[in-house]
Amino acid sequence: MRNLIVNADDLGWTQGVNRGIAEAHRNGIVTSTSLLANGRAFEAGVQTARESPRLGVGVHLNLSDGKPVAPAEQVKSLLDENGDFSGGPEALLLRLTAKKLETKEVEAEWNAQIEKVRAAGIRPTHLDGHKHVQMLPGLFAVALRLAKKHGIEAVRVAHEASSLRAALTSGGEPTGVTLKQGVQARGLKLLARDAREMTERAGIGAADYFCGIAQTGVLTKRGVQQLLASLPEGTTELMCHPGYADADLEKSATRLQKSRETELGILTDNDIRKSIATLGIRLINYGEIGEAGT
């Protein structure tokens, strides 16, 4: 059986992102999403989840954007002089290497993020990371501990399968972008090379395959069609970022702007939906991984 999880990252970022994710689920192939506990549209994201009972909702663990959920005095090593999270994965990696980032503070912040999502009445289906932060050295173990603590049964292992990355490439993407992001994907494998084995030892579920890093922001319809035709047996996660580019998104620190609307169009395209039906691909979310082989 070939199973596909289509996970829309960044629920709760802005109202426009929330609307796009809801539409991609309601009228398209998105089966799963991950919620930013410190997103400016968190409450509206929670409402989106409540109105979409078949949409799996995970927690999008964040150390890169916005204010912390935990009290600032408890997570000082994660913040800049303005009390904001202080950088993307590259900066965080440098600070981890220099021992300027306290792992115990990462755990406190992520625990607070998970507790906020749960307090809103959502039972998380999985954990993943904003900008794949959970794959940084030492942090995957933190994510696994928190998954066990909160009874969360799955995590994202962001090891992009090279064969699926190749299938998802249509040839119409900006070469520089896909090359850069392809290097990032390979780097994530090196940074947390034991992640899949750690997940298995912890008794936590994960998709068998993962893809979407190299095509972040440059996803094409042709690439998705090629991916569907190449999908292996087992469970694959396709990461995506649908949404509408509203005023709040334009003001926020993300390069993913109009590309979210392009992805929304692809994910709701009738040809894509027909291909999934014709190929006999089963659409599931992370909460159904345990049942995926039945």
C-alpha atoms as a PDB file:
ATOM      1  CA  MET A   1       0.000   0.000   0.000  1.00  0.00           C
ATOM      2  CA  ARG A   2       1.252   3.470  -0.916  1.00  0.00           C
ATOM      3  CA  ASN A   3       0.243   6.076   1.669  1.00  0.00           C
ATOM      4  CA  LEU A   4       0.761   9.819   1.376  1.00  0.00           C
ATOM      5  CA  ILE A   5       0.733  12.431   4.129  1.00  0.00           C
ATOM      6  CA  VAL A   6       0.492  15.938   2.684  1.00  0.00           C
ATOM      7  CA  ASN A   7       1.483  18.240   5.548  1.00  0.00           C
ATOM      8  CA  ALA A   8       0.947  22.000   5.320  1.00  0.00           C
ATOM      9  CA  ASP A   9       3.429  23.756   7.596  1.00  0.00           C
ATOM     10  CA  ASP A  10       2.818  27.087   9.391  1.00  0.00           C
ATOM     11  CA  LEU A  11      -0.818  26.933  10.541  1.00  0.00           C
ATOM     12  CA  GLY A  12      -1.253  29.945  12.824  1.00  0.00           C
ATOM     13  CA  TRP A  13       1.293  32.144  11.009  1.00  0.00           C
ATOM     14  CA  THR A  14      -1.326  34.554   9.581  1.00  0.00           C
ATOM     15  CA  GLN A  15      -5.027  34.528   8.742  1.00  0.00           C
ATOM     16  CA  GLY A  16      -4.174  34.177   5.046  1.00  0.00           C
ATOM     17  CA  VAL A  17      -2.027  31.107   5.694  1.00  0.00           C
ATOM     18  CA  ASN A  18      -4.809  29.601   7.803  1.00  0.00           C
ATOM     19  CA  ARG A  19      -7.365  30.181   5.039  1.00  0.00           C
ATOM     20  CA  GLY A  20      -5.118  28.598   2.442  1.00  0.00           C
ATOM     21  CA  ILE A  21      -4.448  25.517   4.549  1.00  0.00           C
ATOM     22  CA  ALA A  22      -8.159  25.077   5.267  1.00  0.00           C
ATOM     23  CA  GLU A  23      -8.952  25.337   1.553  1.00  0.00           C
ATOM     24  CA  ALA A  24      -6.139  22.948   0.583  1.00  0.00           C
ATOM     25  CA  HIS A  25      -7.609  20.422   3.003  1.00  0.00           C
ATOM     26  CA  ARG A  26     -11.267  20.977   2.210  1.00  0.00           C
ATOM     27  CA  ASN A  27     -10.908  21.110  -1.581  1.00  0.00           C
ATOM     28  CA  GLY A  28      -7.572  19.417  -2.126  1.00  0.00           C
ATOM     29  CA  ILE A  29      -5.100  16.812  -0.951  1.00  0.00           C
ATOM     30  CA  VAL A  30      -3.739  18.282   2.305  1.00  0.00           C
ATOM     31  CA  THR A  31      -4.340  15.791   5.112  1.00  0.00           C
ATOM     32  CA  SER A  32      -2.155  17.196   7.870  1.00  0.00           C
ATOM     33  CA  THR A  33      -0.836  20.490   9.208  1.00  0.00           C
ATOM     34  CA  SER A  34       1.461  21.752  11.948  1.00  0.00           C
ATOM     35  CA  LEU A  35       0.530  24.627  14.235  1.00  0.00           C
ATOM     36  CA  LEU A  36       2.832  27.449  15.376  1.00  0.00           C
ATOM     37  CA  ALA A  37       2.062  27.988  19.050  1.00  0.00           C
ATOM     38  CA  ASN A  38       3.484  31.529  18.905  1.00  0.00           C
ATOM     39  CA  GLY A  39       1.961  32.447  15.543  1.00  0.00           C
ATOM     40  CA  ARG A  40       0.155  35.775  15.297  1.00  0.00           C
ATOM     41  CA  ALA A  41      -2.967  33.925  14.061  1.00  0.00           C
ATOM     42  CA  PHE A  42      -2.762  31.056  16.563  1.00  0.00           C
ATOM     43  CA  GLU A  43      -6.355  31.322  17.815  1.00  0.00           C
ATOM     44  CA  ALA A  44      -7.705  31.398  14.269  1.00  0.00           C
ATOM     45  CA  GLY A  45      -5.499  28.399  13.492  1.00  0.00           C
ATOM     46  CA  VAL A  46      -7.064  26.537  16.396  1.00  0.00           C
ATOM     47  CA  GLN A  47     -10.498  27.383  15.002  1.00  0.00           C
ATOM     48  CA  THR A  48      -9.432  26.051  11.594  1.00  0.00           C
ATOM     49  CA  ALA A  49      -8.432  22.795  13.287  1.00  0.00           C
ATOM     50  CA  ARG A  50     -11.743  22.558  15.142  1.00  0.00           C
ATOM     51  CA  GLU A  51     -13.667  23.042  11.916  1.00  0.00           C
ATOM     52  CA  SER A  52     -11.616  20.333  10.148  1.00  0.00           C
ATOM     53  CA  PRO A  53     -12.024  17.098  12.140  1.00  0.00           C
ATOM     54  CA  ARG A  54     -10.261  14.973   9.511  1.00  0.00           C
ATOM     55  CA  LEU A  55      -7.223  17.249   9.384  1.00  0.00           C
ATOM     56  CA  GLY A  56      -4.344  15.907  11.471  1.00  0.00           C
ATOM     57  CA  VAL A  57      -2.732  18.691  13.522  1.00  0.00           C
ATOM     58  CA  GLY A  58       0.824  18.568  14.855  1.00  0.00           C
ATOM     59  CA  VAL A  59       3.002  21.089  16.674  1.00  0.00           C
ATOM     60  CA  HIS A  60       5.448  23.122  14.570  1.00  0.00           C
ATOM     61  CA  LEU A  61       8.308  23.459  17.060  1.00  0.00           C
ATOM     62  CA  ASN A  62       9.860  26.898  16.662  1.00  0.00           C
ATOM     63  CA  LEU A  63      13.101  28.595  17.703  1.00  0.00           C
ATOM     64  CA  SER A  64      13.507  31.000  14.777  1.00  0.00           C
ATOM     65  CA  ASP A  65      10.610  33.460  14.534  1.00  0.00           C
ATOM     66  CA  GLY A  66       8.588  35.542  16.953  1.00  0.00           C
ATOM     67  CA  LYS A  67       8.329  35.647  20.747  1.00  0.00           C
ATOM     68  CA  PRO A  68       8.712  32.623  23.029  1.00  0.00           C
ATOM     69  CA  VAL A  69       5.755  30.915  24.664  1.00  0.00           C
ATOM     70  CA  ALA A  70       7.702  30.193  27.862  1.00  0.00           C
ATOM     71  CA  PRO A  71       8.548  33.141  30.167  1.00  0.00           C
ATOM     72  CA  ALA A  72      11.476  35.014  28.616  1.00  0.00           C
ATOM     73  CA  GLU A  73      13.583  34.769  31.785  1.00  0.00           C
ATOM     74  CA  GLN A  74      13.477  30.971  31.502  1.00  0.00           C
ATOM     75  CA  VAL A  75      14.773  30.836  27.910  1.00  0.00           C
ATOM     76  CA  LYS A  76      17.309  33.668  27.711  1.00  0.00           C
ATOM     77  CA  SER A  77      19.800  31.775  25.548  1.00  0.00           C
ATOM     78  CA  LEU A  78      17.175  31.477  22.789  1.00  0.00           C
ATOM     79  CA  LEU A  79      16.450  35.198  22.534  1.00  0.00           C
ATOM     80  CA  ASP A  80      17.981  38.405  21.211  1.00  0.00           C
ATOM     81  CA  GLU A  81      18.102  41.758  22.984  1.00  0.00           C
ATOM     82  CA  ASN A  82      14.470  42.429  21.971  1.00  0.00           C
ATOM     83  CA  GLY A  83      13.207  39.198  23.507  1.00  0.00           C
ATOM     84  CA  ASP A  84      12.626  37.541  20.118  1.00  0.00           C
ATOM     85  CA  PHE A  85      13.912  34.235  18.832  1.00  0.00           C
ATOM     86  CA  SER A  86      17.318  35.038  17.437  1.00  0.00           C
ATOM     87  CA  GLY A  87      17.913  33.402  14.105  1.00  0.00           C
ATOM     88  CA  GLY A  88      17.425  30.668  11.555  1.00  0.00           C
ATOM     89  CA  PRO A  89      18.915  27.163  11.559  1.00  0.00           C
ATOM     90  CA  GLU A  90      22.414  28.266  10.514  1.00  0.00           C
ATOM     91  CA  ALA A  91      22.684  30.766  13.369  1.00  0.00           C
ATOM     92  CA  LEU A  92      21.237  28.264  15.810  1.00  0.00           C
ATOM     93  CA  LEU A  93      23.733  25.622  14.692  1.00  0.00           C
ATOM     94  CA  LEU A  94      26.628  28.013  15.275  1.00  0.00           C
ATOM     95  CA  ARG A  95      25.335  28.865  18.731  1.00  0.00           C
ATOM     96  CA  LEU A  96      24.839  25.203  19.584  1.00  0.00           C
ATOM     97  CA  THR A  97      28.393  24.453  18.485  1.00  0.00           C
ATOM     98  CA  ALA A  98      29.699  27.343  20.589  1.00  0.00           C
ATOM     99  CA  LYS A  99      27.614  26.116  23.557  1.00  0.00           C
ATOM    100  CA  LYS A 100      25.711  29.410  23.651  1.00  0.00           C
ATOM    101  CA  LEU A 101      22.327  27.740  23.274  1.00  0.00           C
ATOM    102  CA  GLU A 102      21.030  25.899  26.347  1.00  0.00           C
ATOM    103  CA  THR A 103      19.383  22.582  25.457  1.00  0.00           C
ATOM    104  CA  LYS A 104      17.403  22.630  28.710  1.00  0.00           C
ATOM    105  CA  GLU A 105      15.941  25.985  27.638  1.00  0.00           C
ATOM    106  CA  VAL A 106      15.017  24.555  24.226  1.00  0.00           C
ATOM    107  CA  GLU A 107      13.174  21.781  26.042  1.00  0.00           C
ATOM    108  CA  ALA A 108      11.375  24.269  28.304  1.00  0.00           C
ATOM    109  CA  GLU A 109      10.260  26.363  25.329  1.00  0.00           C
ATOM    110  CA  TRP A 110       9.120  23.438  23.207  1.00  0.00           C
ATOM    111  CA  ASN A 111       7.285  21.964  26.172  1.00  0.00           C
ATOM    112  CA  ALA A 112       5.472  25.292  26.592  1.00  0.00           C
ATOM    113  CA  GLN A 113       4.571  25.314  22.893  1.00  0.00           C
ATOM    114  CA  ILE A 114       3.126  21.799  23.074  1.00  0.00           C
ATOM    115  CA  GLU A 115       1.226  22.597  26.265  1.00  0.00           C
ATOM    116  CA  LYS A 116      -0.307  25.700  24.653  1.00  0.00           C
ATOM    117  CA  VAL A 117      -1.558  23.642  21.701  1.00  0.00           C
ATOM    118  CA  ARG A 118      -2.963  20.967  24.001  1.00  0.00           C
ATOM    119  CA  ALA A 119      -4.590  23.569  26.261  1.00  0.00           C
ATOM    120  CA  ALA A 120      -6.463  24.821  23.187  1.00  0.00           C
ATOM    121  CA  GLY A 121      -8.148  21.426  22.962  1.00  0.00           C
ATOM    122  CA  ILE A 122      -5.984  19.932  20.218  1.00  0.00           C
ATOM    123  CA  ARG A 123      -4.495  16.476  20.556  1.00  0.00           C
ATOM    124  CA  PRO A 124      -1.317  16.696  18.446  1.00  0.00           C
ATOM    125  CA  THR A 125      -0.796  13.943  15.892  1.00  0.00           C
ATOM    126  CA  HIS A 126       2.941  14.626  15.566  1.00  0.00           C
ATOM    127  CA  LEU A 127       5.845  16.985  16.126  1.00  0.00           C
ATOM    128  CA  ASP A 128       7.873  18.667  13.402  1.00  0.00           C
ATOM    129  CA  GLY A 129      10.127  21.723  13.285  1.00  0.00           C
ATOM    130  CA  HIS A 130       9.874  25.218  11.831  1.00  0.00           C
ATOM    131  CA  LYS A 131      12.797  25.360   9.384  1.00  0.00           C
ATOM    132  CA  HIS A 132      13.592  21.778  10.471  1.00  0.00           C
ATOM    133  CA  VAL A 133      15.076  22.988  13.748  1.00  0.00           C
ATOM    134  CA  GLN A 134      14.364  19.621  15.395  1.00  0.00           C
ATOM    135  CA  MET A 135      17.130  18.082  13.265  1.00  0.00           C
ATOM    136  CA  LEU A 136      19.929  20.174  14.789  1.00  0.00           C
ATOM    137  CA  PRO A 137      22.483  18.303  16.942  1.00  0.00           C
ATOM    138  CA  GLY A 138      21.032  17.286  20.296  1.00  0.00           C
ATOM    139  CA  LEU A 139      17.576  18.680  19.559  1.00  0.00           C
ATOM    140  CA  PHE A 140      16.026  15.592  17.978  1.00  0.00           C
ATOM    141  CA  ALA A 141      16.448  13.787  21.293  1.00  0.00           C
ATOM    142  CA  VAL A 142      14.607  16.682  22.965  1.00  0.00           C
ATOM    143  CA  ALA A 143      11.711  16.343  20.500  1.00  0.00           C
ATOM    144  CA  LEU A 144      11.502  12.600  21.170  1.00  0.00           C
ATOM    145  CA  ARG A 145      11.463  13.110  24.953  1.00  0.00           C
ATOM    146  CA  LEU A 146       8.646  15.607  24.635  1.00  0.00           C
ATOM    147  CA  ALA A 147       6.704  13.325  22.297  1.00  0.00           C
ATOM    148  CA  LYS A 148       6.901  10.563  24.910  1.00  0.00           C
ATOM    149  CA  LYS A 149       5.983  12.942  27.726  1.00  0.00           C
ATOM    150  CA  HIS A 150       2.880  14.220  25.957  1.00  0.00           C
ATOM    151  CA  GLY A 151       1.760  10.944  24.389  1.00  0.00           C
ATOM    152  CA  ILE A 152       2.413  12.194  20.854  1.00  0.00           C
ATOM    153  CA  GLU A 153       2.840   9.151  18.656  1.00  0.00           C
ATOM    154  CA  ALA A 154       4.837  10.452  15.677  1.00  0.00           C
ATOM    155  CA  VAL A 155       7.585  12.874  14.665  1.00  0.00           C
ATOM    156  CA  ARG A 156       8.871  14.153  11.343  1.00  0.00           C
ATOM    157  CA  VAL A 157      12.254  12.741  10.356  1.00  0.00           C
ATOM    158  CA  ALA A 158      13.368  15.359   7.818  1.00  0.00           C
ATOM    159  CA  HIS A 159      15.657  13.027   5.862  1.00  0.00           C
ATOM    160  CA  GLU A 160      14.665  13.834   2.294  1.00  0.00           C
ATOM    161  CA  ALA A 161      14.750  10.775   0.032  1.00  0.00           C
ATOM    162  CA  SER A 162      17.016  11.620  -2.924  1.00  0.00           C
ATOM    163  CA  SER A 163      14.923   9.550  -5.333  1.00  0.00           C
ATOM    164  CA  LEU A 164      11.770  11.440  -4.350  1.00  0.00           C
ATOM    165  CA  ARG A 165      13.592  14.778  -4.517  1.00  0.00           C
ATOM    166  CA  ALA A 166      14.545  13.904  -8.087  1.00  0.00           C
ATOM    167  CA  ALA A 167      10.974  12.865  -8.908  1.00  0.00           C
ATOM    168  CA  LEU A 168       9.581  16.102  -7.466  1.00  0.00           C
ATOM    169  CA  THR A 169      11.907  18.175  -9.667  1.00  0.00           C
ATOM    170  CA  SER A 170      10.123  19.251 -12.845  1.00  0.00           C
ATOM    171  CA  GLY A 171      12.939  21.222 -14.435  1.00  0.00           C
ATOM    172  CA  GLY A 172      10.981  24.464 -14.290  1.00  0.00           C
ATOM    173  CA  GLU A 173      12.253  25.551 -10.871  1.00  0.00           C
ATOM    174  CA  PRO A 174      14.988  28.180 -10.363  1.00  0.00           C
ATOM    175  CA  THR A 175      18.154  26.063 -10.413  1.00  0.00           C
ATOM    176  CA  GLY A 176      19.953  28.076  -7.748  1.00  0.00           C
ATOM    177  CA  VAL A 177      17.087  27.666  -5.276  1.00  0.00           C
ATOM    178  CA  THR A 178      16.738  23.922  -5.697  1.00  0.00           C
ATOM    179  CA  LEU A 179      20.508  23.414  -5.535  1.00  0.00           C
ATOM    180  CA  LYS A 180      20.804  25.436  -2.328  1.00  0.00           C
ATOM    181  CA  GLN A 181      17.859  23.683  -0.723  1.00  0.00           C
ATOM    182  CA  GLY A 182      19.087  20.306  -1.930  1.00  0.00           C
ATOM    183  CA  VAL A 183      22.368  20.974  -0.111  1.00  0.00           C
ATOM    184  CA  GLN A 184      20.352  21.893   2.979  1.00  0.00           C
ATOM    185  CA  ALA A 185      18.443  18.612   2.722  1.00  0.00           C
ATOM    186  CA  ARG A 186      21.670  16.634   2.557  1.00  0.00           C
ATOM    187  CA  GLY A 187      23.053  18.616   5.485  1.00  0.00           C
ATOM    188  CA  LEU A 188      20.052  17.749   7.632  1.00  0.00           C
ATOM    189  CA  LYS A 189      20.739  14.058   7.038  1.00  0.00           C
ATOM    190  CA  LEU A 190      24.288  14.523   8.311  1.00  0.00           C
ATOM    191  CA  LEU A 191      23.289  16.617  11.334  1.00  0.00           C
ATOM    192  CA  ALA A 192      20.863  13.982  12.623  1.00  0.00           C
ATOM    193  CA  ARG A 193      21.972  10.843  10.804  1.00  0.00           C
ATOM    194  CA  ASP A 194      20.686   8.586  13.604  1.00  0.00           C
ATOM    195  CA  ALA A 195      17.252  10.213  13.818  1.00  0.00           C
ATOM    196  CA  ARG A 196      15.307   7.339  12.292  1.00  0.00           C
ATOM    197  CA  GLU A 197      17.013   4.776  14.522  1.00  0.00           C
ATOM    198  CA  MET A 198      16.403   6.994  17.570  1.00  0.00           C
ATOM    199  CA  THR A 199      12.731   7.224  16.647  1.00  0.00           C
ATOM    200  CA  GLU A 200      12.410   3.459  16.369  1.00  0.00           C
ATOM    201  CA  ARG A 201      14.162   2.898  19.713  1.00  0.00           C
ATOM    202  CA  ALA A 202      11.807   5.382  21.364  1.00  0.00           C
ATOM    203  CA  GLY A 203       8.762   3.609  19.957  1.00  0.00           C
ATOM    204  CA  ILE A 204       7.646   6.752  18.131  1.00  0.00           C
ATOM    205  CA  GLY A 205       6.110   6.597  14.654  1.00  0.00           C
ATOM    206  CA  ALA A 206       7.422   8.349  11.545  1.00  0.00           C
ATOM    207  CA  ALA A 207       6.790   8.352   7.823  1.00  0.00           C
ATOM    208  CA  ASP A 208       9.004   5.936   5.891  1.00  0.00           C
ATOM    209  CA  TYR A 209       9.982   8.669   3.430  1.00  0.00           C
ATOM    210  CA  PHE A 210       9.986  12.457   3.417  1.00  0.00           C
ATOM    211  CA  CYS A 211      10.306  15.078   0.660  1.00  0.00           C
ATOM    212  CA  GLY A 212       9.689  18.741  -0.104  1.00  0.00           C
ATOM    213  CA  ILE A 213      12.786  20.551   1.207  1.00  0.00           C
ATOM    214  CA  ALA A 214      14.466  21.174  -2.154  1.00  0.00           C
ATOM    215  CA  GLN A 215      11.161  22.367  -3.661  1.00  0.00           C
ATOM    216  CA  THR A 216      10.167  24.658  -0.781  1.00  0.00           C
ATOM    217  CA  GLY A 217       8.709  27.726  -2.446  1.00  0.00           C
ATOM    218  CA  VAL A 218       9.146  26.365  -5.978  1.00  0.00           C
ATOM    219  CA  LEU A 219       6.722  23.419  -6.064  1.00  0.00           C
ATOM    220  CA  THR A 220       5.250  22.657  -9.496  1.00  0.00           C
ATOM    221  CA  LYS A 221       2.237  20.678 -10.683  1.00  0.00           C
ATOM    222  CA  ARG A 222       4.407  18.573 -12.965  1.00  0.00           C
ATOM    223  CA  GLY A 223       6.744  17.775 -10.081  1.00  0.00           C
ATOM    224  CA  VAL A 224       3.865  16.618  -7.866  1.00  0.00           C
ATOM    225  CA  GLN A 225       2.498  14.456 -10.679  1.00  0.00           C
ATOM    226  CA  GLN A 226       5.928  12.862 -11.132  1.00  0.00           C
ATOM    227  CA  LEU A 227       6.189  12.297  -7.383  1.00  0.00           C
ATOM    228  CA  LEU A 228       2.813  10.551  -7.293  1.00  0.00           C
ATOM    229  CA  ALA A 229       3.844   8.269 -10.142  1.00  0.00           C
ATOM    230  CA  SER A 230       7.099   7.418  -8.336  1.00  0.00           C
ATOM    231  CA  LEU A 231       5.696   6.962  -4.830  1.00  0.00           C
ATOM    232  CA  PRO A 232       7.185   3.889  -3.099  1.00  0.00           C
ATOM    233  CA  GLU A 233       5.374   1.341  -0.976  1.00  0.00           C
ATOM    234  CA  GLY A 234       4.908   2.532   2.594  1.00  0.00           C
ATOM    235  CA  THR A 235       4.178   6.017   3.908  1.00  0.00           C
ATOM    236  CA  THR A 236       5.637   9.195   2.410  1.00  0.00           C
ATOM    237  CA  GLU A 237       5.264  12.735   3.737  1.00  0.00           C
ATOM    238  CA  LEU A 238       5.170  15.624   1.270  1.00  0.00           C
ATOM    239  CA  MET A 239       5.812  18.907   3.071  1.00  0.00           C
ATOM    240  CA  CYS A 240       4.101  21.970   1.597  1.00  0.00           C
ATOM    241  CA  HIS A 241       3.305  25.612   2.384  1.00  0.00           C
ATOM    242  CA  PRO A 242      -0.070  26.703   0.953  1.00  0.00           C
ATOM    243  CA  GLY A 243      -1.700  29.979   1.892  1.00  0.00           C
ATOM    244  CA  TYR A 244      -2.779  33.445   0.820  1.00  0.00           C
ATOM    245  CA  ALA A 245      -0.292  36.320   0.812  1.00  0.00           C
ATOM    246  CA  ASP A 246      -2.151  38.707   3.108  1.00  0.00           C
ATOM    247  CA  ALA A 247      -0.784  41.950   4.584  1.00  0.00           C
ATOM    248  CA  ASP A 248       0.458  40.238   7.741  1.00  0.00           C
ATOM    249  CA  LEU A 249       2.381  37.670   5.719  1.00  0.00           C
ATOM    250  CA  GLU A 250       3.981  40.390   3.597  1.00  0.00           C
ATOM    251  CA  LYS A 251       5.220  42.076   6.794  1.00  0.00           C
ATOM    252  CA  SER A 252       6.605  38.873   8.293  1.00  0.00           C
ATOM    253  CA  ALA A 253      10.097  37.453   7.925  1.00  0.00           C
ATOM    254  CA  THR A 254       9.406  34.724   5.391  1.00  0.00           C
ATOM    255  CA  ARG A 255      10.463  34.437   1.767  1.00  0.00           C
ATOM    256  CA  LEU A 256       7.406  32.258   1.098  1.00  0.00           C
ATOM    257  CA  GLN A 257       4.887  34.816  -0.135  1.00  0.00           C
ATOM    258  CA  LYS A 258       3.163  34.401  -3.533  1.00  0.00           C
ATOM    259  CA  SER A 259       4.537  30.852  -3.707  1.00  0.00           C
ATOM    260  CA  ARG A 260       1.959  29.880  -1.086  1.00  0.00           C
ATOM    261  CA  GLU A 261      -0.860  30.756  -3.479  1.00  0.00           C
ATOM    262  CA  THR A 262       0.857  28.815  -6.262  1.00  0.00           C
ATOM    263  CA  GLU A 263       1.059  25.769  -3.991  1.00  0.00           C
ATOM    264  CA  LEU A 264      -2.585  26.170  -3.023  1.00  0.00           C
ATOM    265  CA  GLY A 265      -3.519  25.970  -6.694  1.00  0.00           C
ATOM    266  CA  ILE A 266      -1.449  22.809  -7.168  1.00  0.00           C
ATOM    267  CA  LEU A 267      -2.775  21.092  -4.058  1.00  0.00           C
ATOM    268  CA  THR A 268      -6.401  21.713  -5.097  1.00  0.00           C
ATOM    269  CA  ASP A 269      -5.871  20.909  -8.785  1.00  0.00           C
ATOM    270  CA  ASN A 270      -8.371  18.383 -10.202  1.00  0.00           C
ATOM    271  CA  ASP A 271      -5.674  16.579 -12.214  1.00  0.00           C
ATOM    272  CA  ILE A 272      -3.640  15.980  -9.055  1.00  0.00           C
ATOM    273  CA  ARG A 273      -6.676  14.628  -7.233  1.00  0.00           C
ATOM    274  CA  LYS A 274      -7.538  12.357 -10.155  1.00  0.00           C
ATOM    275  CA  SER A 275      -3.952  11.036 -10.270  1.00  0.00           C
ATOM    276  CA  ILE A 276      -4.123  10.039  -6.610  1.00  0.00           C
ATOM    277  CA  ALA A 277      -7.378   8.163  -7.215  1.00  0.00           C
ATOM    278  CA  THR A 278      -6.137   6.500 -10.409  1.00  0.00           C
ATOM    279  CA  LEU A 279      -2.864   5.391  -8.818  1.00  0.00           C
ATOM    280  CA  GLY A 280      -4.624   3.987  -5.751  1.00  0.00           C
ATOM    281  CA  ILE A 281      -2.697   6.193  -3.322  1.00  0.00           C
ATOM    282  CA  ARG A 282      -4.168   6.388   0.159  1.00  0.00           C
ATOM    283  CA  LEU A 283      -4.193   9.869   1.721  1.00  0.00           C
ATOM    284  CA  ILE A 284      -3.620   9.733   5.480  1.00  0.00           C
ATOM    285  CA  ASN A 285      -2.388  11.948   8.333  1.00  0.00           C
ATOM    286  CA  TYR A 286       0.159  11.270  11.055  1.00  0.00           C
ATOM    287  CA  GLY A 287      -2.547  10.045  13.399  1.00  0.00           C
ATOM    288  CA  GLU A 288      -3.196   7.157  11.020  1.00  0.00           C
ATOM    289  CA  ILE A 289       0.380   5.908  10.627  1.00  0.00           C
ATOM    290  CA  GLY A 290      -0.295   2.962  12.932  1.00  0.00           C
ATOM    291  CA  GLU A 291      -3.164   1.885  10.705  1.00  0.00           C
ATOM    292  CA  ALA A 292      -1.361   2.582   7.418  1.00  0.00           C
ATOM    293  CA  GLY A 293      -0.460  -1.022   6.729  1.00  0.00           C
ATOM    294  CA  THR A 294      -3.956  -2.345   7.264  1.00  0.00           C
END
